[in-house]
């Protein structure tokens, strides 16, 4: 898997200091500055501590099965902003190489908020997932994509995509044991697939989006 993050820090230097300091118990395989400079911090074959407690498509030890890529961005707490063109271009080039080398499927390109809803918000609603998908990185429905089946459980559909299920410990709900669990998962989905409407509310637009996206991940 590829897990995409933002640093949530004021500068690239601050992020490098944090990611390279053993005292902080956090690391990533790659860091991409806003000017497109790529830093390789951990060898691909080594485990990096970027995912934390997380879950995706039955995998609960995401750190052991993924590559973590950090994008320099202050994040929601200190000044979230769009990702610059040089940064995204560098990310696309890097991801294409990693996907080809390790045969990573579209279902395995994810954001931190996908695997840790509620606990993490990155890379957030300003991240250009649709553009990445147009370059063969991750999945996104095209404009003519048929609406999915609205019958059945929304949560079974979200599970088919890959999200953890509230109240099911066998499915990694250790990260979803709060009263806001359902809202957190819906918000994570919306941040990824309906970024103009991130409310945490399971409205008709979100239900239709979930039904359609499920077909891509089946």
N, C-alpha and C. Protein backbone atom coordinates (compact mmCIF):
# COMPACT_ATOMS: atom_id res chain seq x y z
N UNK A 1 0.83 -1.20 0.00
CA UNK A 1 0.00 0.00 0.00
C UNK A 1 0.87 1.25 0.00
N UNK A 2 0.30 2.32 -0.51
CA UNK A 2 0.89 3.65 -0.37
C UNK A 2 -0.04 4.46 0.52
N UNK A 3 0.50 5.03 1.58
CA UNK A 3 -0.29 5.87 2.47
C UNK A 3 0.23 7.30 2.36
N UNK A 4 -0.68 8.21 1.99
CA UNK A 4 -0.31 9.60 1.78
C UNK A 4 -0.73 10.44 2.99
N UNK A 5 0.19 11.31 3.42
CA UNK A 5 0.00 12.13 4.61
C UNK A 5 0.32 13.58 4.30
N UNK A 6 -0.09 14.49 5.17
CA UNK A 6 0.56 15.79 5.23
C UNK A 6 1.30 15.87 6.56
N UNK A 7 2.31 16.75 6.61
CA UNK A 7 3.15 16.80 7.80
C UNK A 7 2.49 17.49 8.98
N UNK A 8 1.61 18.47 8.71
CA UNK A 8 0.99 19.21 9.78
C UNK A 8 1.99 20.06 10.56
N UNK A 9 3.04 20.50 9.88
CA UNK A 9 4.07 21.31 10.51
C UNK A 9 4.34 22.55 9.66
N UNK A 10 5.00 23.54 10.25
CA UNK A 10 5.15 24.84 9.60
C UNK A 10 6.12 24.82 8.42
N UNK A 11 7.09 23.93 8.41
CA UNK A 11 8.10 23.97 7.36
C UNK A 11 8.64 22.57 7.07
N UNK A 12 9.34 22.48 5.96
CA UNK A 12 9.99 21.22 5.61
C UNK A 12 11.07 20.88 6.63
N UNK A 13 11.85 21.87 7.04
CA UNK A 13 12.92 21.62 8.01
C UNK A 13 12.37 21.10 9.33
N UNK A 14 11.25 21.66 9.76
CA UNK A 14 10.64 21.19 11.00
C UNK A 14 10.19 19.74 10.86
N UNK A 15 9.64 19.40 9.69
CA UNK A 15 9.20 18.03 9.45
C UNK A 15 10.40 17.08 9.40
N UNK A 16 11.47 17.48 8.74
CA UNK A 16 12.66 16.65 8.68
C UNK A 16 13.22 16.39 10.07
N UNK A 17 13.27 17.44 10.88
CA UNK A 17 13.77 17.27 12.25
C UNK A 17 12.94 16.26 13.01
N UNK A 18 11.63 16.36 12.87
CA UNK A 18 10.75 15.44 13.59
C UNK A 18 10.88 14.01 13.07
N UNK A 19 10.86 13.86 11.76
CA UNK A 19 10.87 12.53 11.16
C UNK A 19 12.21 11.82 11.33
N UNK A 20 13.27 12.58 11.54
CA UNK A 20 14.60 11.99 11.67
C UNK A 20 15.07 11.90 13.13
N UNK A 21 14.20 12.25 14.07
CA UNK A 21 14.55 12.22 15.48
C UNK A 21 13.98 10.95 16.12
N UNK A 22 14.83 10.00 16.52
CA UNK A 22 14.34 8.74 17.12
C UNK A 22 13.48 8.95 18.35
N UNK A 23 13.63 10.07 19.02
CA UNK A 23 12.87 10.32 20.24
C UNK A 23 11.38 10.46 19.98
N UNK A 24 11.00 10.77 18.74
CA UNK A 24 9.59 11.02 18.44
C UNK A 24 8.84 9.78 17.95
N UNK A 25 9.53 8.69 17.68
CA UNK A 25 8.88 7.45 17.25
C UNK A 25 7.93 7.65 16.08
N UNK A 26 8.34 8.48 15.12
CA UNK A 26 7.55 8.67 13.91
C UNK A 26 8.51 8.78 12.73
N UNK A 27 8.14 8.17 11.62
CA UNK A 27 9.01 8.19 10.45
C UNK A 27 8.18 7.92 9.21
N UNK A 28 8.75 8.17 8.06
CA UNK A 28 8.10 7.90 6.78
C UNK A 28 9.17 7.55 5.77
N UNK A 29 8.77 6.88 4.73
CA UNK A 29 9.74 6.50 3.70
C UNK A 29 10.18 7.70 2.86
N UNK A 30 9.22 8.59 2.59
CA UNK A 30 9.53 9.74 1.75
C UNK A 30 8.87 11.00 2.32
N UNK A 31 9.54 12.13 2.06
CA UNK A 31 8.99 13.45 2.37
C UNK A 31 9.13 14.30 1.12
N UNK A 32 8.05 14.98 0.74
CA UNK A 32 8.09 15.83 -0.45
C UNK A 32 7.81 17.27 -0.04
N UNK A 33 8.77 18.15 -0.29
CA UNK A 33 8.62 19.57 0.03
C UNK A 33 7.67 20.23 -0.97
N UNK A 34 7.24 21.43 -0.65
CA UNK A 34 6.31 22.14 -1.53
C UNK A 34 6.95 22.53 -2.86
N UNK A 35 8.28 22.60 -2.92
CA UNK A 35 8.94 22.92 -4.18
C UNK A 35 9.22 21.68 -5.02
N UNK A 36 8.78 20.51 -4.55
CA UNK A 36 8.94 19.27 -5.30
C UNK A 36 10.16 18.45 -4.92
N UNK A 37 10.98 18.94 -4.02
CA UNK A 37 12.15 18.18 -3.57
C UNK A 37 11.69 16.94 -2.81
N UNK A 38 12.26 15.79 -3.18
CA UNK A 38 11.91 14.52 -2.55
C UNK A 38 13.05 14.07 -1.64
N UNK A 39 12.73 13.77 -0.39
CA UNK A 39 13.70 13.25 0.56
C UNK A 39 13.36 11.78 0.84
N UNK A 40 14.34 10.91 0.66
CA UNK A 40 14.12 9.51 1.01
C UNK A 40 14.67 9.29 2.41
N UNK A 41 13.79 8.97 3.34
CA UNK A 41 14.16 8.91 4.75
C UNK A 41 14.32 7.49 5.28
N UNK A 42 13.56 6.56 4.73
CA UNK A 42 13.62 5.16 5.15
C UNK A 42 13.61 4.30 3.89
N UNK A 43 14.47 3.31 3.85
CA UNK A 43 14.51 2.40 2.70
C UNK A 43 13.16 1.71 2.53
N UNK A 44 12.76 1.48 1.28
CA UNK A 44 11.46 0.89 1.01
C UNK A 44 11.23 -0.42 1.75
N UNK A 45 12.27 -1.22 1.88
CA UNK A 45 12.11 -2.53 2.49
C UNK A 45 12.04 -2.49 4.01
N UNK A 46 12.26 -1.31 4.58
CA UNK A 46 12.23 -1.16 6.03
C UNK A 46 10.86 -0.65 6.48
N UNK A 47 10.50 -0.99 7.71
CA UNK A 47 9.24 -0.52 8.32
C UNK A 47 9.41 0.92 8.78
N UNK A 48 8.47 1.77 8.44
CA UNK A 48 8.45 3.15 8.93
C UNK A 48 7.22 3.34 9.81
N UNK A 49 7.32 4.21 10.77
CA UNK A 49 6.25 4.41 11.76
C UNK A 49 5.41 5.62 11.36
N UNK A 50 4.57 5.44 10.37
CA UNK A 50 3.79 6.55 9.83
C UNK A 50 2.29 6.37 9.98
N UNK A 51 1.80 5.14 10.06
CA UNK A 51 0.37 4.88 10.03
C UNK A 51 -0.28 4.92 11.41
N UNK A 52 0.43 4.46 12.43
CA UNK A 52 -0.16 4.37 13.75
C UNK A 52 -1.25 3.30 13.80
N UNK A 53 -2.12 3.40 14.79
CA UNK A 53 -3.23 2.46 14.89
C UNK A 53 -4.17 2.70 13.71
N UNK A 54 -4.36 1.68 12.89
CA UNK A 54 -5.06 1.89 11.63
C UNK A 54 -5.62 0.59 11.08
N UNK A 55 -6.41 0.72 10.01
CA UNK A 55 -7.06 -0.43 9.39
C UNK A 55 -7.40 -0.11 7.95
N UNK A 56 -7.17 -1.08 7.07
CA UNK A 56 -7.63 -0.95 5.68
C UNK A 56 -7.75 -2.31 5.04
N UNK A 57 -8.95 -2.64 4.59
CA UNK A 57 -9.20 -3.87 3.85
C UNK A 57 -8.62 -5.10 4.57
N UNK A 58 -9.00 -5.24 5.83
CA UNK A 58 -8.63 -6.35 6.71
C UNK A 58 -7.21 -6.27 7.28
N UNK A 59 -6.44 -5.28 6.86
CA UNK A 59 -5.07 -5.15 7.37
C UNK A 59 -5.05 -4.22 8.58
N UNK A 60 -4.53 -4.72 9.69
CA UNK A 60 -4.43 -3.91 10.91
C UNK A 60 -3.00 -3.49 11.22
N UNK A 61 -2.03 -4.11 10.55
CA UNK A 61 -0.63 -3.72 10.75
C UNK A 61 -0.16 -2.98 9.50
N UNK A 62 -0.72 -1.80 9.30
CA UNK A 62 -0.47 -1.05 8.06
C UNK A 62 1.00 -0.64 7.93
N UNK A 63 1.65 -0.35 9.04
CA UNK A 63 3.07 0.03 8.97
C UNK A 63 3.92 -1.04 8.30
N UNK A 64 3.55 -2.30 8.49
CA UNK A 64 4.36 -3.40 7.95
C UNK A 64 4.06 -3.70 6.49
N UNK A 65 2.98 -3.13 5.98
CA UNK A 65 2.54 -3.49 4.62
C UNK A 65 2.41 -2.27 3.71
N UNK A 66 3.07 -1.18 4.07
CA UNK A 66 2.86 0.04 3.30
C UNK A 66 4.12 0.89 3.24
N UNK A 67 4.10 1.82 2.29
CA UNK A 67 5.10 2.88 2.19
C UNK A 67 4.41 4.18 2.56
N UNK A 68 5.04 4.96 3.42
CA UNK A 68 4.46 6.22 3.86
C UNK A 68 5.11 7.40 3.15
N UNK A 69 4.27 8.28 2.60
CA UNK A 69 4.76 9.47 1.90
C UNK A 69 4.17 10.71 2.57
N UNK A 70 5.03 11.56 3.09
CA UNK A 70 4.62 12.79 3.75
C UNK A 70 4.75 13.97 2.79
N UNK A 71 3.72 14.80 2.76
CA UNK A 71 3.73 16.02 1.97
C UNK A 71 3.80 17.22 2.91
N UNK A 72 4.75 18.09 2.69
CA UNK A 72 4.85 19.29 3.53
C UNK A 72 3.61 20.15 3.35
N UNK A 73 2.89 20.36 4.44
CA UNK A 73 1.68 21.18 4.46
C UNK A 73 1.35 21.43 5.92
N UNK A 74 1.02 22.67 6.30
CA UNK A 74 0.76 22.96 7.70
C UNK A 74 -0.41 22.18 8.29
N UNK A 75 -1.33 21.75 7.45
CA UNK A 75 -2.45 20.97 7.95
C UNK A 75 -3.56 21.80 8.55
N UNK A 76 -4.63 21.14 8.92
CA UNK A 76 -5.84 21.81 9.37
C UNK A 76 -5.66 22.63 10.65
N UNK A 77 -4.73 22.25 11.47
CA UNK A 77 -4.59 22.92 12.76
C UNK A 77 -3.82 24.24 12.68
N UNK A 78 -2.91 24.36 11.70
CA UNK A 78 -2.07 25.57 11.68
C UNK A 78 -2.00 26.25 10.32
N UNK A 79 -2.95 25.98 9.43
CA UNK A 79 -2.95 26.73 8.16
C UNK A 79 -3.03 25.87 6.92
N UNK A 80 -4.00 24.96 6.88
CA UNK A 80 -4.18 24.07 5.73
C UNK A 80 -4.31 24.86 4.45
N UNK A 81 -3.63 24.43 3.41
CA UNK A 81 -3.66 25.14 2.14
C UNK A 81 -3.51 24.14 0.98
N UNK A 82 -3.84 24.58 -0.25
CA UNK A 82 -3.69 23.69 -1.40
C UNK A 82 -2.25 23.23 -1.57
N UNK A 83 -2.12 22.05 -2.16
CA UNK A 83 -0.80 21.48 -2.41
C UNK A 83 -0.25 22.07 -3.71
N UNK A 84 0.95 22.66 -3.70
CA UNK A 84 1.49 23.31 -4.90
C UNK A 84 1.74 22.34 -6.05
N UNK A 85 1.71 22.86 -7.25
CA UNK A 85 1.92 22.06 -8.44
C UNK A 85 3.24 21.29 -8.42
N UNK A 86 4.38 21.92 -8.09
CA UNK A 86 5.64 21.15 -8.08
C UNK A 86 5.60 19.96 -7.13
N UNK A 87 4.93 20.13 -6.02
CA UNK A 87 4.83 19.06 -5.03
C UNK A 87 4.00 17.89 -5.57
N UNK A 88 2.85 18.21 -6.18
CA UNK A 88 1.99 17.16 -6.71
C UNK A 88 2.64 16.47 -7.92
N UNK A 89 3.32 17.22 -8.75
CA UNK A 89 4.01 16.62 -9.90
C UNK A 89 5.08 15.64 -9.42
N UNK A 90 5.82 16.02 -8.38
CA UNK A 90 6.84 15.14 -7.83
C UNK A 90 6.20 13.90 -7.22
N UNK A 91 5.07 14.09 -6.54
CA UNK A 91 4.37 12.96 -5.95
C UNK A 91 3.90 11.98 -7.01
N UNK A 92 3.35 12.50 -8.10
CA UNK A 92 2.87 11.64 -9.17
C UNK A 92 4.02 10.82 -9.76
N UNK A 93 5.13 11.47 -10.01
CA UNK A 93 6.29 10.75 -10.57
C UNK A 93 6.77 9.67 -9.60
N UNK A 94 6.87 10.01 -8.33
CA UNK A 94 7.32 9.04 -7.33
C UNK A 94 6.34 7.88 -7.23
N UNK A 95 5.06 8.19 -7.15
CA UNK A 95 4.06 7.14 -7.00
C UNK A 95 4.01 6.21 -8.20
N UNK A 96 4.14 6.76 -9.38
CA UNK A 96 4.14 5.91 -10.57
C UNK A 96 5.25 4.87 -10.50
N UNK A 97 6.42 5.31 -10.07
CA UNK A 97 7.54 4.40 -9.96
C UNK A 97 7.32 3.33 -8.92
N UNK A 98 6.79 3.72 -7.76
CA UNK A 98 6.55 2.76 -6.69
C UNK A 98 5.44 1.77 -7.05
N UNK A 99 4.38 2.27 -7.69
CA UNK A 99 3.28 1.40 -8.09
C UNK A 99 3.75 0.36 -9.10
N UNK A 100 4.57 0.79 -10.05
CA UNK A 100 5.10 -0.14 -11.04
C UNK A 100 6.05 -1.15 -10.41
N UNK A 101 6.93 -0.68 -9.56
CA UNK A 101 7.95 -1.54 -8.95
C UNK A 101 7.33 -2.59 -8.04
N UNK A 102 6.33 -2.19 -7.26
CA UNK A 102 5.77 -3.09 -6.26
C UNK A 102 4.37 -3.59 -6.62
N UNK A 103 3.91 -3.27 -7.80
CA UNK A 103 2.61 -3.74 -8.30
C UNK A 103 1.49 -3.42 -7.31
N UNK A 104 1.42 -2.17 -6.92
CA UNK A 104 0.42 -1.73 -5.96
C UNK A 104 -0.90 -1.45 -6.68
N UNK A 105 -1.99 -2.09 -6.27
CA UNK A 105 -3.28 -1.87 -6.95
C UNK A 105 -3.89 -0.52 -6.58
N UNK A 106 -4.86 -0.10 -7.36
CA UNK A 106 -5.53 1.17 -7.08
C UNK A 106 -6.17 1.19 -5.71
N UNK A 107 -6.65 0.04 -5.25
CA UNK A 107 -7.28 -0.04 -3.93
C UNK A 107 -6.28 0.17 -2.80
N UNK A 108 -5.01 0.13 -3.12
CA UNK A 108 -3.98 0.24 -2.10
C UNK A 108 -3.33 1.61 -2.02
N UNK A 109 -3.89 2.60 -2.70
CA UNK A 109 -3.39 3.98 -2.61
C UNK A 109 -4.39 4.75 -1.76
N UNK A 110 -4.00 5.14 -0.56
CA UNK A 110 -4.94 5.63 0.42
C UNK A 110 -4.38 6.82 1.19
N UNK A 111 -5.27 7.52 1.87
CA UNK A 111 -4.88 8.63 2.72
C UNK A 111 -4.86 8.20 4.18
N UNK A 112 -4.17 8.96 5.00
CA UNK A 112 -4.10 8.64 6.42
C UNK A 112 -5.49 8.65 7.05
N UNK A 113 -6.35 9.56 6.61
CA UNK A 113 -7.70 9.62 7.17
C UNK A 113 -8.53 8.39 6.80
N UNK A 114 -8.21 7.74 5.68
CA UNK A 114 -8.93 6.53 5.30
C UNK A 114 -8.68 5.40 6.30
N UNK A 115 -7.45 5.31 6.77
CA UNK A 115 -7.07 4.19 7.64
C UNK A 115 -7.20 4.52 9.12
N UNK A 116 -7.39 5.79 9.45
CA UNK A 116 -7.53 6.19 10.85
C UNK A 116 -8.58 7.30 10.98
N UNK A 117 -9.82 7.02 10.57
CA UNK A 117 -10.85 8.06 10.59
C UNK A 117 -11.09 8.60 12.00
N UNK A 118 -11.24 9.90 12.09
CA UNK A 118 -11.44 10.53 13.38
C UNK A 118 -10.14 10.91 14.05
N UNK A 119 -9.16 10.03 13.96
CA UNK A 119 -7.86 10.32 14.56
C UNK A 119 -7.01 11.18 13.66
N UNK A 120 -7.16 11.00 12.34
CA UNK A 120 -6.36 11.75 11.39
C UNK A 120 -7.24 12.36 10.31
N UNK A 121 -6.83 13.52 9.78
CA UNK A 121 -7.59 14.21 8.73
C UNK A 121 -6.82 14.33 7.42
N UNK A 122 -5.59 13.90 7.40
CA UNK A 122 -4.74 14.12 6.23
C UNK A 122 -4.88 12.99 5.19
N UNK A 123 -4.64 13.34 3.91
CA UNK A 123 -4.17 14.63 3.40
C UNK A 123 -5.27 15.68 3.22
N UNK A 124 -6.52 15.33 3.48
CA UNK A 124 -7.58 16.33 3.53
C UNK A 124 -8.30 16.59 2.22
N UNK A 125 -9.31 17.45 2.33
CA UNK A 125 -10.22 17.70 1.21
C UNK A 125 -9.60 18.50 0.07
N UNK A 126 -8.45 19.12 0.29
CA UNK A 126 -7.79 19.87 -0.78
C UNK A 126 -6.82 19.00 -1.59
N UNK A 127 -6.65 17.77 -1.17
CA UNK A 127 -5.73 16.90 -1.90
C UNK A 127 -6.36 16.43 -3.21
N UNK A 128 -5.63 16.48 -4.33
CA UNK A 128 -6.22 16.20 -5.65
C UNK A 128 -6.29 14.71 -6.02
N UNK A 129 -7.13 13.97 -5.31
CA UNK A 129 -7.25 12.54 -5.58
C UNK A 129 -7.69 12.25 -7.02
N UNK A 130 -8.59 13.06 -7.53
CA UNK A 130 -9.09 12.83 -8.90
C UNK A 130 -7.96 12.96 -9.91
N UNK A 131 -7.11 13.93 -9.72
CA UNK A 131 -5.98 14.11 -10.65
C UNK A 131 -5.03 12.91 -10.58
N UNK A 132 -4.74 12.45 -9.38
CA UNK A 132 -3.85 11.30 -9.24
C UNK A 132 -4.43 10.09 -9.95
N UNK A 133 -5.74 9.88 -9.78
CA UNK A 133 -6.38 8.74 -10.43
C UNK A 133 -6.27 8.83 -11.95
N UNK A 134 -6.34 10.05 -12.48
CA UNK A 134 -6.22 10.23 -13.93
C UNK A 134 -4.82 9.86 -14.42
N UNK A 135 -3.88 9.81 -13.49
CA UNK A 135 -2.49 9.42 -13.81
C UNK A 135 -2.21 7.96 -13.42
N UNK A 136 -3.27 7.22 -13.10
CA UNK A 136 -3.11 5.81 -12.76
C UNK A 136 -2.75 5.55 -11.32
N UNK A 137 -3.03 6.53 -10.45
CA UNK A 137 -2.67 6.41 -9.03
C UNK A 137 -3.95 6.46 -8.21
N UNK A 138 -4.37 5.32 -7.68
CA UNK A 138 -5.61 5.27 -6.93
C UNK A 138 -6.82 5.18 -7.84
N UNK A 139 -8.01 5.23 -7.26
CA UNK A 139 -9.25 5.03 -8.01
C UNK A 139 -10.17 6.24 -7.87
N UNK A 140 -10.86 6.52 -8.98
CA UNK A 140 -11.83 7.62 -9.01
C UNK A 140 -12.82 7.34 -10.13
N UNK A 141 -14.13 7.48 -9.88
CA UNK A 141 -15.10 7.21 -10.94
C UNK A 141 -15.07 8.30 -12.00
N UNK A 142 -15.25 7.90 -13.26
CA UNK A 142 -15.31 8.91 -14.31
C UNK A 142 -16.71 9.50 -14.38
N UNK A 143 -16.86 10.53 -15.19
CA UNK A 143 -18.11 11.30 -15.21
C UNK A 143 -19.30 10.46 -15.64
N UNK A 144 -19.07 9.43 -16.43
CA UNK A 144 -20.18 8.62 -16.94
C UNK A 144 -20.44 7.38 -16.09
N UNK A 145 -19.78 7.30 -14.95
CA UNK A 145 -19.92 6.11 -14.12
C UNK A 145 -21.36 5.94 -13.64
N UNK A 146 -21.87 4.72 -13.74
CA UNK A 146 -23.25 4.46 -13.35
C UNK A 146 -23.39 4.49 -11.83
N UNK A 147 -24.54 4.95 -11.41
CA UNK A 147 -24.84 4.94 -9.97
C UNK A 147 -24.91 3.50 -9.47
N UNK A 148 -24.42 3.29 -8.27
CA UNK A 148 -24.45 1.95 -7.70
C UNK A 148 -25.80 1.62 -7.08
N UNK A 149 -25.91 0.42 -6.58
CA UNK A 149 -27.13 -0.06 -5.94
C UNK A 149 -27.29 0.61 -4.58
N UNK A 150 -28.38 1.35 -4.40
CA UNK A 150 -28.61 2.06 -3.14
C UNK A 150 -29.23 1.16 -2.08
N UNK A 151 -29.63 -0.06 -2.46
CA UNK A 151 -30.20 -0.99 -1.48
C UNK A 151 -29.07 -1.59 -0.63
N UNK A 152 -29.44 -2.11 0.51
CA UNK A 152 -28.46 -2.76 1.37
C UNK A 152 -27.78 -1.78 2.31
N UNK A 153 -26.91 -2.31 3.12
CA UNK A 153 -26.27 -1.54 4.17
C UNK A 153 -25.17 -0.63 3.64
N UNK A 154 -25.22 0.63 4.02
CA UNK A 154 -24.14 1.56 3.69
C UNK A 154 -22.83 1.06 4.29
N UNK A 155 -22.91 0.48 5.49
CA UNK A 155 -21.68 0.06 6.17
C UNK A 155 -21.05 -1.15 5.51
N UNK A 156 -21.85 -2.03 4.93
CA UNK A 156 -21.26 -3.15 4.19
C UNK A 156 -20.56 -2.64 2.94
N UNK A 157 -21.09 -1.58 2.35
CA UNK A 157 -20.44 -0.99 1.18
C UNK A 157 -19.13 -0.31 1.58
N UNK A 158 -19.15 0.42 2.67
CA UNK A 158 -17.91 1.06 3.14
C UNK A 158 -16.87 0.00 3.49
N UNK A 159 -17.31 -1.13 4.03
CA UNK A 159 -16.39 -2.22 4.34
C UNK A 159 -15.78 -2.78 3.06
N UNK A 160 -16.61 -2.87 2.00
CA UNK A 160 -16.10 -3.38 0.72
C UNK A 160 -15.05 -2.45 0.14
N UNK A 161 -15.20 -1.15 0.37
CA UNK A 161 -14.18 -0.20 -0.08
C UNK A 161 -12.90 -0.38 0.71
N UNK A 162 -13.05 -0.57 2.03
CA UNK A 162 -11.86 -0.81 2.85
C UNK A 162 -11.92 -0.24 4.25
N UNK A 163 -12.94 0.56 4.54
CA UNK A 163 -13.00 1.26 5.82
C UNK A 163 -13.33 0.32 6.97
N UNK A 164 -12.80 0.64 8.15
CA UNK A 164 -13.13 -0.09 9.37
C UNK A 164 -14.58 0.14 9.72
N UNK A 165 -15.15 -0.81 10.47
CA UNK A 165 -16.56 -0.74 10.83
C UNK A 165 -16.74 -0.42 12.31
N UNK A 166 -17.51 0.58 12.63
CA UNK A 166 -17.77 0.89 14.03
C UNK A 166 -18.38 -0.31 14.75
N UNK A 167 -17.86 -0.61 15.93
CA UNK A 167 -18.45 -1.66 16.76
C UNK A 167 -18.07 -3.07 16.40
N UNK A 168 -17.08 -3.26 15.54
CA UNK A 168 -16.66 -4.61 15.16
C UNK A 168 -15.17 -4.75 15.42
N UNK A 169 -14.80 -5.27 16.58
CA UNK A 169 -13.40 -5.34 16.95
C UNK A 169 -12.60 -6.23 16.01
N UNK A 170 -13.23 -7.25 15.48
CA UNK A 170 -12.53 -8.14 14.56
C UNK A 170 -12.13 -7.43 13.27
N UNK A 171 -12.77 -6.31 13.00
CA UNK A 171 -12.48 -5.55 11.79
C UNK A 171 -11.67 -4.29 12.08
N UNK A 172 -11.00 -4.28 13.22
CA UNK A 172 -10.10 -3.17 13.49
C UNK A 172 -10.76 -1.97 14.13
N UNK A 173 -11.89 -2.19 14.84
CA UNK A 173 -12.61 -1.05 15.39
C UNK A 173 -11.92 -0.43 16.60
N UNK A 174 -10.71 -0.92 16.92
CA UNK A 174 -9.96 -0.28 18.00
C UNK A 174 -9.78 1.20 17.72
N UNK A 175 -9.83 1.59 16.46
CA UNK A 175 -9.71 3.01 16.12
C UNK A 175 -11.08 3.68 16.02
N UNK A 176 -12.15 2.92 16.26
CA UNK A 176 -13.50 3.45 16.09
C UNK A 176 -14.36 3.10 17.29
N UNK A 177 -13.88 3.41 18.48
CA UNK A 177 -14.60 3.03 19.68
C UNK A 177 -15.16 4.24 20.42
N UNK A 178 -15.48 5.28 19.70
CA UNK A 178 -16.05 6.48 20.30
C UNK A 178 -17.47 6.70 19.79
N UNK A 179 -18.18 7.60 20.45
CA UNK A 179 -19.55 7.90 20.03
C UNK A 179 -19.60 8.52 18.64
N UNK A 180 -18.51 9.12 18.22
CA UNK A 180 -18.48 9.79 16.91
C UNK A 180 -17.98 8.88 15.81
N UNK A 181 -17.86 7.58 16.07
CA UNK A 181 -17.24 6.66 15.11
C UNK A 181 -17.89 6.71 13.73
N UNK A 182 -19.21 6.65 13.68
CA UNK A 182 -19.88 6.63 12.38
C UNK A 182 -19.65 7.95 11.64
N UNK A 183 -19.77 9.06 12.34
CA UNK A 183 -19.51 10.36 11.73
C UNK A 183 -18.08 10.45 11.22
N UNK A 184 -17.13 9.89 11.97
CA UNK A 184 -15.72 9.94 11.58
C UNK A 184 -15.48 9.20 10.27
N UNK A 185 -16.10 8.03 10.12
CA UNK A 185 -15.92 7.26 8.88
C UNK A 185 -16.56 7.99 7.70
N UNK A 186 -17.75 8.50 7.89
CA UNK A 186 -18.41 9.24 6.81
C UNK A 186 -17.59 10.45 6.41
N UNK A 187 -17.06 11.17 7.39
CA UNK A 187 -16.23 12.35 7.08
C UNK A 187 -14.98 11.95 6.31
N UNK A 188 -14.37 10.83 6.69
CA UNK A 188 -13.17 10.36 5.99
C UNK A 188 -13.50 10.04 4.54
N UNK A 189 -14.63 9.35 4.32
CA UNK A 189 -15.05 9.04 2.95
C UNK A 189 -15.30 10.32 2.16
N UNK A 190 -16.01 11.26 2.75
CA UNK A 190 -16.33 12.51 2.06
C UNK A 190 -15.07 13.30 1.73
N UNK A 191 -14.14 13.35 2.65
CA UNK A 191 -12.88 14.07 2.42
C UNK A 191 -12.17 13.52 1.20
N UNK A 192 -12.30 12.23 0.99
CA UNK A 192 -11.63 11.56 -0.13
C UNK A 192 -12.44 11.67 -1.43
N UNK A 193 -13.73 11.42 -1.37
CA UNK A 193 -14.52 11.25 -2.59
C UNK A 193 -15.55 12.34 -2.88
N UNK A 194 -15.96 13.10 -1.88
CA UNK A 194 -16.87 14.24 -2.11
C UNK A 194 -16.31 15.44 -1.36
N UNK A 195 -15.13 15.90 -1.75
CA UNK A 195 -14.40 16.90 -0.96
C UNK A 195 -15.09 18.26 -0.82
N UNK A 196 -16.07 18.53 -1.64
CA UNK A 196 -16.79 19.80 -1.50
C UNK A 196 -17.89 19.72 -0.44
N UNK A 197 -18.12 18.51 0.07
CA UNK A 197 -19.17 18.31 1.07
C UNK A 197 -18.66 17.39 2.16
N UNK A 198 -17.91 17.94 3.09
CA UNK A 198 -17.39 17.14 4.21
C UNK A 198 -18.14 17.56 5.46
N UNK A 199 -19.23 16.85 5.74
CA UNK A 199 -20.11 17.19 6.86
C UNK A 199 -20.20 16.10 7.91
N UNK A 200 -19.84 14.87 7.53
CA UNK A 200 -20.03 13.75 8.43
C UNK A 200 -21.46 13.24 8.46
N UNK A 201 -22.32 13.85 7.62
CA UNK A 201 -23.73 13.48 7.57
C UNK A 201 -23.97 12.52 6.41
N UNK A 202 -24.65 11.43 6.68
CA UNK A 202 -24.93 10.44 5.64
C UNK A 202 -26.18 10.87 4.86
N UNK A 203 -26.00 11.83 3.96
CA UNK A 203 -27.11 12.34 3.16
C UNK A 203 -27.22 11.55 1.85
N UNK A 204 -28.19 11.92 1.02
CA UNK A 204 -28.43 11.18 -0.22
C UNK A 204 -27.22 11.24 -1.16
N UNK A 205 -26.58 12.40 -1.24
CA UNK A 205 -25.40 12.53 -2.11
C UNK A 205 -24.31 11.57 -1.68
N UNK A 206 -24.09 11.46 -0.39
CA UNK A 206 -23.05 10.57 0.12
C UNK A 206 -23.42 9.11 -0.10
N UNK A 207 -24.70 8.78 0.12
CA UNK A 207 -25.14 7.40 -0.13
C UNK A 207 -24.90 7.00 -1.58
N UNK A 208 -25.23 7.89 -2.51
CA UNK A 208 -25.03 7.59 -3.92
C UNK A 208 -23.54 7.45 -4.25
N UNK A 209 -22.72 8.31 -3.64
CA UNK A 209 -21.28 8.23 -3.88
C UNK A 209 -20.72 6.92 -3.34
N UNK A 210 -21.16 6.51 -2.15
CA UNK A 210 -20.69 5.25 -1.58
C UNK A 210 -21.09 4.08 -2.47
N UNK A 211 -22.32 4.10 -2.95
CA UNK A 211 -22.78 3.01 -3.82
C UNK A 211 -21.95 2.92 -5.10
N UNK A 212 -21.61 4.07 -5.67
CA UNK A 212 -20.82 4.07 -6.90
C UNK A 212 -19.37 3.66 -6.66
N UNK A 213 -18.77 4.21 -5.61
CA UNK A 213 -17.37 3.92 -5.32
C UNK A 213 -17.18 2.45 -4.98
N UNK A 214 -18.17 1.84 -4.33
CA UNK A 214 -18.06 0.41 -3.96
C UNK A 214 -17.77 -0.45 -5.17
N UNK A 215 -18.36 -0.09 -6.31
CA UNK A 215 -18.15 -0.89 -7.52
C UNK A 215 -16.69 -0.88 -7.97
N UNK A 216 -16.00 0.23 -7.73
CA UNK A 216 -14.59 0.30 -8.12
C UNK A 216 -13.72 -0.59 -7.25
N UNK A 217 -14.11 -0.77 -6.00
CA UNK A 217 -13.28 -1.49 -5.04
C UNK A 217 -13.68 -2.95 -4.89
N UNK A 218 -14.74 -3.37 -5.56
CA UNK A 218 -15.21 -4.73 -5.42
C UNK A 218 -14.17 -5.73 -5.96
